[in-house]
Amino acid sequence: MTLTLIHTQLTTDTCDGVLYVDGQKLCETSEHASRALRPGVYAVLRHYCRQYGRHVPLILEHPTQDVLLRCRRCGKGGELYANTLLPVCCPQLKMGNGVHRRTDGSVLMGTLVVPGCMKHTRAPYGLLSERLRKAFGRGVAVTLVVTGFPHQLPQISVRP
């Protein structure tokens, strides 16, 4: 299964795009410009997030990344909402309304209202979660291909 994220608009704060699943458009996306994914190919895992208490689509930034090492620093929080920030940088495809102040590496899914602001985020997230659950159940590898804006994104340091 191949997810394709095409960055289409870059502002000083946001990087917006479109997400395709096996060539079919699923939804629009938005990321914080300082943590936007660089063009390349990434592995996607269905990983249990202790913070949210559910399985989430996790994007591996490096092939040798130790996911569990990062998760040890992230415990179950109090009341959580779609816009709750994670205490560590953990790129995930997720629900949420806005990317401003969100520097945890999240790729928000939904319908873009204005740059960095989303609506109708539950439906595409639910569709993608179900497809990923079935794909991983069949043993299918899932990759995310990111294209667009190779030299225009600001340089950042990756937090452990």
N, C-alpha and C. Protein backbone atom coordinates (compact mmCIF):
# COMPACT_ATOMS: atom_id res chain seq x y z
N MET A 1 0.86 -1.16 0.00
CA MET A 1 0.00 0.00 0.00
C MET A 1 0.91 1.23 0.00
N THR A 2 0.60 2.17 -0.87
CA THR A 2 1.41 3.37 -0.98
C THR A 2 0.57 4.61 -0.69
N LEU A 3 1.02 5.37 0.28
CA LEU A 3 0.43 6.67 0.57
C LEU A 3 1.32 7.70 -0.09
N THR A 4 0.74 8.67 -0.74
CA THR A 4 1.51 9.73 -1.40
C THR A 4 1.05 11.07 -0.86
N LEU A 5 1.99 11.84 -0.33
CA LEU A 5 1.72 13.18 0.18
C LEU A 5 2.42 14.17 -0.73
N ILE A 6 1.62 15.00 -1.39
CA ILE A 6 2.17 16.01 -2.29
C ILE A 6 1.98 17.37 -1.66
N HIS A 7 3.08 18.03 -1.31
CA HIS A 7 3.01 19.37 -0.75
C HIS A 7 2.63 20.33 -1.87
N THR A 8 1.59 21.13 -1.63
CA THR A 8 1.10 22.03 -2.67
C THR A 8 1.23 23.51 -2.31
N GLN A 9 1.34 23.82 -1.03
CA GLN A 9 1.38 25.22 -0.61
C GLN A 9 2.28 25.35 0.61
N LEU A 10 3.17 26.32 0.57
CA LEU A 10 4.09 26.56 1.68
C LEU A 10 3.96 28.02 2.11
N THR A 11 3.67 28.22 3.40
CA THR A 11 3.65 29.57 3.97
C THR A 11 4.73 29.62 5.03
N THR A 12 4.86 30.73 5.73
CA THR A 12 5.89 30.83 6.76
C THR A 12 5.62 29.88 7.92
N ASP A 13 4.34 29.56 8.18
CA ASP A 13 4.00 28.70 9.32
C ASP A 13 3.53 27.31 8.93
N THR A 14 3.00 27.14 7.74
CA THR A 14 2.36 25.87 7.39
C THR A 14 2.85 25.31 6.06
N CYS A 15 2.70 24.02 5.93
CA CYS A 15 2.98 23.32 4.68
C CYS A 15 1.76 22.45 4.41
N ASP A 16 0.98 22.80 3.40
CA ASP A 16 -0.26 22.11 3.10
C ASP A 16 -0.08 21.23 1.88
N GLY A 17 -0.90 20.19 1.79
CA GLY A 17 -0.77 19.26 0.68
C GLY A 17 -2.00 18.41 0.50
N VAL A 18 -1.83 17.34 -0.31
CA VAL A 18 -2.90 16.41 -0.61
C VAL A 18 -2.37 15.00 -0.37
N LEU A 19 -3.21 14.15 0.25
CA LEU A 19 -2.84 12.77 0.54
C LEU A 19 -3.60 11.83 -0.37
N TYR A 20 -2.85 10.94 -1.05
CA TYR A 20 -3.43 9.93 -1.92
C TYR A 20 -3.15 8.55 -1.34
N VAL A 21 -4.11 7.64 -1.48
CA VAL A 21 -3.93 6.26 -1.08
C VAL A 21 -4.03 5.40 -2.33
N ASP A 22 -2.92 4.76 -2.69
CA ASP A 22 -2.86 3.95 -3.91
C ASP A 22 -3.39 4.70 -5.12
N GLY A 23 -3.01 5.98 -5.24
CA GLY A 23 -3.37 6.79 -6.40
C GLY A 23 -4.71 7.49 -6.34
N GLN A 24 -5.51 7.25 -5.29
CA GLN A 24 -6.81 7.90 -5.17
C GLN A 24 -6.74 8.95 -4.07
N LYS A 25 -7.26 10.15 -4.36
CA LYS A 25 -7.22 11.23 -3.39
C LYS A 25 -8.07 10.87 -2.17
N LEU A 26 -7.48 11.02 -0.98
CA LEU A 26 -8.21 10.78 0.26
C LEU A 26 -8.62 12.09 0.91
N CYS A 27 -7.67 13.03 1.06
CA CYS A 27 -7.98 14.28 1.75
C CYS A 27 -6.84 15.27 1.56
N GLU A 28 -7.02 16.44 2.16
CA GLU A 28 -5.97 17.44 2.20
C GLU A 28 -5.22 17.29 3.52
N THR A 29 -4.02 17.82 3.57
CA THR A 29 -3.19 17.72 4.77
C THR A 29 -2.60 19.07 5.13
N SER A 30 -2.16 19.18 6.37
CA SER A 30 -1.48 20.38 6.82
C SER A 30 -0.45 19.99 7.86
N GLU A 31 0.73 20.61 7.78
CA GLU A 31 1.82 20.37 8.72
C GLU A 31 2.40 21.71 9.15
N HIS A 32 3.02 21.75 10.32
CA HIS A 32 3.75 22.93 10.73
C HIS A 32 5.01 23.00 9.89
N ALA A 33 5.33 24.15 9.35
CA ALA A 33 6.46 24.26 8.42
C ALA A 33 7.78 23.86 9.05
N SER A 34 7.96 24.08 10.34
CA SER A 34 9.25 23.75 10.96
C SER A 34 9.42 22.24 11.15
N ARG A 35 8.34 21.47 11.11
CA ARG A 35 8.43 20.02 11.29
C ARG A 35 7.88 19.24 10.10
N ALA A 36 7.65 19.90 8.96
CA ALA A 36 7.09 19.22 7.80
C ALA A 36 8.05 18.14 7.31
N LEU A 37 7.49 17.07 6.81
CA LEU A 37 8.29 15.96 6.30
C LEU A 37 9.03 16.39 5.04
N ARG A 38 10.27 16.01 4.95
CA ARG A 38 11.08 16.27 3.77
C ARG A 38 10.67 15.30 2.66
N PRO A 39 10.88 15.67 1.41
CA PRO A 39 10.59 14.72 0.33
C PRO A 39 11.41 13.45 0.50
N GLY A 40 10.76 12.33 0.27
CA GLY A 40 11.42 11.03 0.42
C GLY A 40 10.41 9.93 0.62
N VAL A 41 10.92 8.75 0.96
CA VAL A 41 10.07 7.59 1.19
C VAL A 41 10.21 7.19 2.65
N TYR A 42 9.08 7.02 3.32
CA TYR A 42 9.04 6.71 4.75
C TYR A 42 8.22 5.44 4.98
N ALA A 43 8.61 4.67 5.97
CA ALA A 43 7.80 3.52 6.38
C ALA A 43 6.69 4.01 7.30
N VAL A 44 5.54 3.37 7.24
CA VAL A 44 4.41 3.71 8.10
C VAL A 44 4.07 2.47 8.92
N LEU A 45 3.95 2.65 10.23
CA LEU A 45 3.58 1.57 11.13
C LEU A 45 2.25 1.88 11.77
N ARG A 46 1.53 0.85 12.13
CA ARG A 46 0.33 1.02 12.96
C ARG A 46 0.79 0.73 14.38
N HIS A 47 0.98 1.79 15.15
CA HIS A 47 1.64 1.70 16.44
C HIS A 47 0.68 2.12 17.56
N TYR A 48 0.73 1.42 18.67
CA TYR A 48 -0.11 1.78 19.81
C TYR A 48 0.52 2.98 20.54
N CYS A 49 -0.20 4.09 20.57
CA CYS A 49 0.27 5.31 21.23
C CYS A 49 -0.26 5.34 22.66
N ARG A 50 0.65 5.38 23.62
CA ARG A 50 0.22 5.42 25.02
C ARG A 50 -0.44 6.75 25.36
N GLN A 51 -0.03 7.81 24.70
CA GLN A 51 -0.61 9.13 24.96
C GLN A 51 -2.09 9.16 24.61
N TYR A 52 -2.44 8.63 23.43
CA TYR A 52 -3.83 8.66 22.98
C TYR A 52 -4.60 7.39 23.33
N GLY A 53 -3.89 6.33 23.72
CA GLY A 53 -4.54 5.09 24.11
C GLY A 53 -5.20 4.36 22.94
N ARG A 54 -4.61 4.46 21.75
CA ARG A 54 -5.14 3.77 20.57
C ARG A 54 -4.02 3.60 19.55
N HIS A 55 -4.29 2.78 18.54
CA HIS A 55 -3.33 2.60 17.45
C HIS A 55 -3.39 3.82 16.54
N VAL A 56 -2.20 4.28 16.13
CA VAL A 56 -2.10 5.44 15.26
C VAL A 56 -1.16 5.12 14.10
N PRO A 57 -1.36 5.78 12.94
CA PRO A 57 -0.41 5.63 11.83
C PRO A 57 0.86 6.44 12.14
N LEU A 58 1.94 5.75 12.42
CA LEU A 58 3.20 6.38 12.81
C LEU A 58 4.15 6.40 11.62
N ILE A 59 4.75 7.54 11.36
CA ILE A 59 5.68 7.71 10.25
C ILE A 59 7.10 7.61 10.79
N LEU A 60 7.87 6.66 10.27
CA LEU A 60 9.26 6.51 10.69
C LEU A 60 10.14 7.44 9.87
N GLU A 61 10.78 8.40 10.54
CA GLU A 61 11.63 9.35 9.84
C GLU A 61 12.94 8.71 9.39
N HIS A 62 13.42 7.73 10.15
CA HIS A 62 14.66 7.03 9.84
C HIS A 62 14.39 5.54 9.90
N PRO A 63 14.96 4.76 8.97
CA PRO A 63 14.67 3.32 8.95
C PRO A 63 15.09 2.59 10.22
N THR A 64 16.08 3.11 10.93
CA THR A 64 16.56 2.43 12.13
C THR A 64 16.02 3.07 13.41
N GLN A 65 15.00 3.91 13.27
CA GLN A 65 14.45 4.63 14.42
C GLN A 65 13.90 3.67 15.46
N ASP A 66 14.26 3.90 16.71
CA ASP A 66 13.74 3.08 17.81
C ASP A 66 12.47 3.74 18.34
N VAL A 67 11.34 3.22 17.92
CA VAL A 67 10.05 3.80 18.28
C VAL A 67 9.81 3.68 19.78
N LEU A 68 10.14 2.54 20.35
CA LEU A 68 9.86 2.32 21.76
C LEU A 68 10.67 3.24 22.66
N LEU A 69 11.88 3.60 22.25
CA LEU A 69 12.70 4.53 23.03
C LEU A 69 11.98 5.87 23.16
N ARG A 70 11.39 6.33 22.08
CA ARG A 70 10.65 7.58 22.11
C ARG A 70 9.38 7.45 22.94
N CYS A 71 8.72 6.32 22.82
CA CYS A 71 7.45 6.11 23.52
C CYS A 71 7.63 6.05 25.04
N ARG A 72 8.79 5.66 25.51
CA ARG A 72 9.01 5.59 26.95
C ARG A 72 8.90 6.96 27.60
N ARG A 73 9.18 8.01 26.84
CA ARG A 73 9.12 9.38 27.37
C ARG A 73 7.72 9.95 27.32
N CYS A 74 6.82 9.23 26.73
CA CYS A 74 5.48 9.74 26.48
C CYS A 74 4.47 8.88 27.22
N GLY A 75 3.99 9.36 28.35
CA GLY A 75 3.02 8.60 29.12
C GLY A 75 1.61 9.03 28.83
N LYS A 76 0.67 8.31 29.37
CA LYS A 76 -0.75 8.65 29.21
C LYS A 76 -1.02 9.99 29.88
N GLY A 77 -1.61 10.91 29.14
CA GLY A 77 -1.92 12.23 29.67
C GLY A 77 -3.26 12.25 30.35
N GLY A 78 -3.70 13.42 30.74
CA GLY A 78 -5.02 13.59 31.35
C GLY A 78 -6.08 13.47 30.28
N GLU A 79 -6.96 14.45 30.20
CA GLU A 79 -7.96 14.46 29.15
C GLU A 79 -7.29 14.83 27.84
N LEU A 80 -7.52 14.03 26.82
CA LEU A 80 -6.88 14.25 25.53
C LEU A 80 -7.91 14.59 24.48
N TYR A 81 -7.49 15.44 23.56
CA TYR A 81 -8.33 15.84 22.45
C TYR A 81 -7.52 15.68 21.18
N ALA A 82 -8.15 15.86 20.03
CA ALA A 82 -7.44 15.74 18.76
C ALA A 82 -6.30 16.74 18.65
N ASN A 83 -6.40 17.88 19.32
CA ASN A 83 -5.37 18.91 19.23
C ASN A 83 -4.34 18.85 20.35
N THR A 84 -4.35 17.81 21.18
CA THR A 84 -3.38 17.68 22.25
C THR A 84 -2.00 17.42 21.66
N LEU A 85 -1.01 18.20 22.11
CA LEU A 85 0.35 18.03 21.63
C LEU A 85 1.01 16.85 22.32
N LEU A 86 1.85 16.14 21.58
CA LEU A 86 2.64 15.08 22.18
C LEU A 86 3.87 15.70 22.82
N PRO A 87 4.36 15.12 23.93
CA PRO A 87 5.52 15.71 24.61
C PRO A 87 6.83 15.52 23.86
N VAL A 88 6.87 14.61 22.90
CA VAL A 88 8.07 14.40 22.09
C VAL A 88 7.67 14.46 20.62
N CYS A 89 8.65 14.66 19.75
CA CYS A 89 8.37 14.70 18.32
C CYS A 89 8.07 13.28 17.85
N CYS A 90 6.89 13.09 17.33
CA CYS A 90 6.43 11.76 16.92
C CYS A 90 5.52 11.93 15.70
N PRO A 91 6.08 11.92 14.48
CA PRO A 91 5.27 12.16 13.29
C PRO A 91 4.18 11.11 13.12
N GLN A 92 2.95 11.57 13.07
CA GLN A 92 1.79 10.70 12.91
C GLN A 92 0.83 11.33 11.91
N LEU A 93 0.07 10.49 11.22
CA LEU A 93 -1.07 10.97 10.46
C LEU A 93 -2.23 11.00 11.44
N LYS A 94 -2.85 12.17 11.61
CA LYS A 94 -3.84 12.26 12.68
C LYS A 94 -4.90 13.31 12.43
N MET A 95 -5.90 13.30 13.31
CA MET A 95 -6.96 14.31 13.30
C MET A 95 -6.45 15.56 14.01
N GLY A 96 -7.10 16.67 13.77
CA GLY A 96 -6.76 17.91 14.45
C GLY A 96 -7.20 19.09 13.62
N ASN A 97 -7.37 20.22 14.26
CA ASN A 97 -7.92 21.38 13.57
C ASN A 97 -6.89 22.39 13.08
N GLY A 98 -5.74 22.48 13.73
CA GLY A 98 -4.77 23.48 13.31
C GLY A 98 -3.36 23.09 13.64
N VAL A 99 -2.42 23.57 12.83
CA VAL A 99 -1.02 23.22 13.02
C VAL A 99 -0.22 24.31 13.72
N HIS A 100 -0.82 25.46 13.93
CA HIS A 100 -0.09 26.53 14.61
C HIS A 100 0.19 26.08 16.04
N ARG A 101 1.40 26.25 16.51
CA ARG A 101 1.88 25.79 17.83
C ARG A 101 2.06 24.27 17.88
N ARG A 102 1.81 23.54 16.83
CA ARG A 102 1.94 22.08 16.84
C ARG A 102 3.28 21.71 16.21
N THR A 103 4.25 21.44 17.05
CA THR A 103 5.59 21.11 16.56
C THR A 103 5.96 19.67 16.89
N ASP A 104 4.96 18.80 17.04
CA ASP A 104 5.24 17.40 17.35
C ASP A 104 5.36 16.54 16.10
N GLY A 105 5.38 17.15 14.92
CA GLY A 105 5.57 16.41 13.68
C GLY A 105 4.29 15.86 13.08
N SER A 106 3.14 16.26 13.58
CA SER A 106 1.87 15.72 13.10
C SER A 106 1.54 16.17 11.68
N VAL A 107 0.95 15.24 10.92
CA VAL A 107 0.39 15.55 9.61
C VAL A 107 -1.12 15.47 9.79
N LEU A 108 -1.77 16.62 9.83
CA LEU A 108 -3.21 16.66 10.04
C LEU A 108 -3.95 16.39 8.74
N MET A 109 -5.04 15.63 8.84
CA MET A 109 -5.82 15.22 7.68
C MET A 109 -7.21 15.83 7.75
N GLY A 110 -7.78 16.18 6.60
CA GLY A 110 -9.14 16.70 6.58
C GLY A 110 -9.38 17.56 5.36
N THR A 111 -10.24 18.56 5.53
CA THR A 111 -10.53 19.53 4.48
C THR A 111 -9.90 20.86 4.89
N LEU A 112 -9.05 21.39 4.04
CA LEU A 112 -8.34 22.62 4.33
C LEU A 112 -9.28 23.81 4.21
N VAL A 113 -9.36 24.62 5.29
CA VAL A 113 -10.20 25.82 5.28
C VAL A 113 -9.35 27.00 4.83
N VAL A 114 -8.29 27.26 5.55
CA VAL A 114 -7.26 28.24 5.21
C VAL A 114 -5.93 27.57 5.54
N PRO A 115 -4.80 28.09 5.07
CA PRO A 115 -3.53 27.43 5.37
C PRO A 115 -3.37 27.16 6.87
N GLY A 116 -3.16 25.88 7.19
CA GLY A 116 -2.93 25.49 8.56
C GLY A 116 -4.17 25.18 9.38
N CYS A 117 -5.35 25.34 8.81
CA CYS A 117 -6.60 25.13 9.55
C CYS A 117 -7.46 24.09 8.82
N MET A 118 -7.84 23.04 9.54
CA MET A 118 -8.58 21.93 8.95
C MET A 118 -9.99 21.81 9.53
N LYS A 119 -10.89 21.19 8.77
CA LYS A 119 -12.20 20.80 9.27
C LYS A 119 -12.51 19.42 8.72
N HIS A 120 -13.53 18.77 9.26
CA HIS A 120 -13.93 17.43 8.82
C HIS A 120 -12.76 16.46 8.86
N THR A 121 -12.12 16.33 10.02
CA THR A 121 -10.92 15.51 10.13
C THR A 121 -11.20 14.05 10.49
N ARG A 122 -12.33 13.77 11.09
CA ARG A 122 -12.61 12.40 11.55
C ARG A 122 -12.85 11.42 10.40
N ALA A 123 -13.58 11.83 9.39
CA ALA A 123 -13.93 10.91 8.30
C ALA A 123 -12.71 10.38 7.55
N PRO A 124 -11.81 11.25 7.06
CA PRO A 124 -10.64 10.69 6.36
C PRO A 124 -9.72 9.91 7.28
N TYR A 125 -9.61 10.33 8.54
CA TYR A 125 -8.78 9.59 9.48
C TYR A 125 -9.35 8.19 9.71
N GLY A 126 -10.67 8.10 9.85
CA GLY A 126 -11.31 6.80 10.04
C GLY A 126 -11.13 5.89 8.83
N LEU A 127 -11.27 6.44 7.63
CA LEU A 127 -11.07 5.66 6.41
C LEU A 127 -9.64 5.15 6.31
N LEU A 128 -8.68 6.03 6.58
CA LEU A 128 -7.28 5.61 6.49
C LEU A 128 -6.95 4.58 7.57
N SER A 129 -7.43 4.78 8.78
CA SER A 129 -7.16 3.84 9.87
C SER A 129 -7.68 2.45 9.54
N GLU A 130 -8.86 2.38 8.98
CA GLU A 130 -9.44 1.09 8.62
C GLU A 130 -8.65 0.41 7.50
N ARG A 131 -8.25 1.17 6.49
CA ARG A 131 -7.45 0.59 5.41
C ARG A 131 -6.10 0.12 5.91
N LEU A 132 -5.49 0.90 6.81
CA LEU A 132 -4.20 0.48 7.37
C LEU A 132 -4.35 -0.77 8.22
N ARG A 133 -5.42 -0.84 9.01
CA ARG A 133 -5.65 -2.02 9.85
C ARG A 133 -5.76 -3.27 8.99
N LYS A 134 -6.50 -3.17 7.89
CA LYS A 134 -6.66 -4.32 6.99
C LYS A 134 -5.35 -4.66 6.29
N ALA A 135 -4.62 -3.63 5.84
CA ALA A 135 -3.35 -3.87 5.14
C ALA A 135 -2.35 -4.55 6.07
N PHE A 136 -2.21 -4.05 7.28
CA PHE A 136 -1.26 -4.66 8.21
C PHE A 136 -1.72 -6.06 8.63
N GLY A 137 -3.03 -6.28 8.70
CA GLY A 137 -3.56 -7.60 9.00
C GLY A 137 -3.20 -8.62 7.93
N ARG A 138 -3.08 -8.17 6.69
CA ARG A 138 -2.69 -9.04 5.57
C ARG A 138 -1.18 -9.12 5.41
N GLY A 139 -0.44 -8.35 6.21
CA GLY A 139 1.03 -8.36 6.10
C GLY A 139 1.58 -7.49 4.99
N VAL A 140 0.79 -6.52 4.52
CA VAL A 140 1.22 -5.62 3.45
C VAL A 140 2.05 -4.49 4.03
N ALA A 141 3.20 -4.21 3.41
CA ALA A 141 4.03 -3.08 3.84
C ALA A 141 3.40 -1.78 3.37
N VAL A 142 3.45 -0.76 4.21
CA VAL A 142 2.88 0.54 3.88
C VAL A 142 4.01 1.57 3.84
N THR A 143 4.07 2.32 2.75
CA THR A 143 5.07 3.37 2.62
C THR A 143 4.38 4.70 2.34
N LEU A 144 5.04 5.76 2.77
CA LEU A 144 4.58 7.12 2.51
C LEU A 144 5.61 7.80 1.63
N VAL A 145 5.19 8.24 0.46
CA VAL A 145 6.06 8.96 -0.47
C VAL A 145 5.70 10.43 -0.38
N VAL A 146 6.68 11.25 -0.01
CA VAL A 146 6.46 12.70 0.14
C VAL A 146 7.17 13.41 -1.00
N THR A 147 6.44 14.29 -1.70
CA THR A 147 7.04 15.06 -2.78
C THR A 147 6.70 16.54 -2.59
N GLY A 148 7.49 17.38 -3.20
CA GLY A 148 7.25 18.82 -3.18
C GLY A 148 8.14 19.58 -2.23
N PHE A 149 8.51 20.78 -2.62
CA PHE A 149 9.28 21.74 -1.82
C PHE A 149 10.58 21.15 -1.25
N PRO A 150 11.44 20.59 -2.09
CA PRO A 150 12.64 19.96 -1.54
C PRO A 150 13.63 20.91 -0.89
N HIS A 151 13.75 22.15 -1.36
CA HIS A 151 14.76 23.05 -0.82
C HIS A 151 14.17 24.25 -0.10
N GLN A 152 12.86 24.37 -0.05
CA GLN A 152 12.25 25.57 0.49
C GLN A 152 11.86 25.44 1.96
N LEU A 153 11.82 24.23 2.50
CA LEU A 153 11.44 24.07 3.89
C LEU A 153 12.59 24.48 4.79
N PRO A 154 12.30 25.12 5.91
CA PRO A 154 13.36 25.53 6.82
C PRO A 154 14.08 24.32 7.42
N GLN A 155 15.37 24.47 7.66
CA GLN A 155 16.15 23.38 8.26
C GLN A 155 15.83 23.31 9.75
N ILE A 156 15.73 22.10 10.26
CA ILE A 156 15.41 21.89 11.66
C ILE A 156 16.33 20.82 12.22
N SER A 157 16.41 20.79 13.52
CA SER A 157 17.14 19.70 14.16
C SER A 157 16.11 18.71 14.67
N VAL A 158 16.39 17.42 14.51
CA VAL A 158 15.46 16.39 14.94
C VAL A 158 15.63 16.18 16.43
N ARG A 159 14.52 16.32 17.16
CA ARG A 159 14.55 16.10 18.59
C ARG A 159 14.53 14.61 18.87
N PRO A 160 15.24 14.17 19.91
CA PRO A 160 15.24 12.74 20.23
C PRO A 160 13.89 12.27 20.73
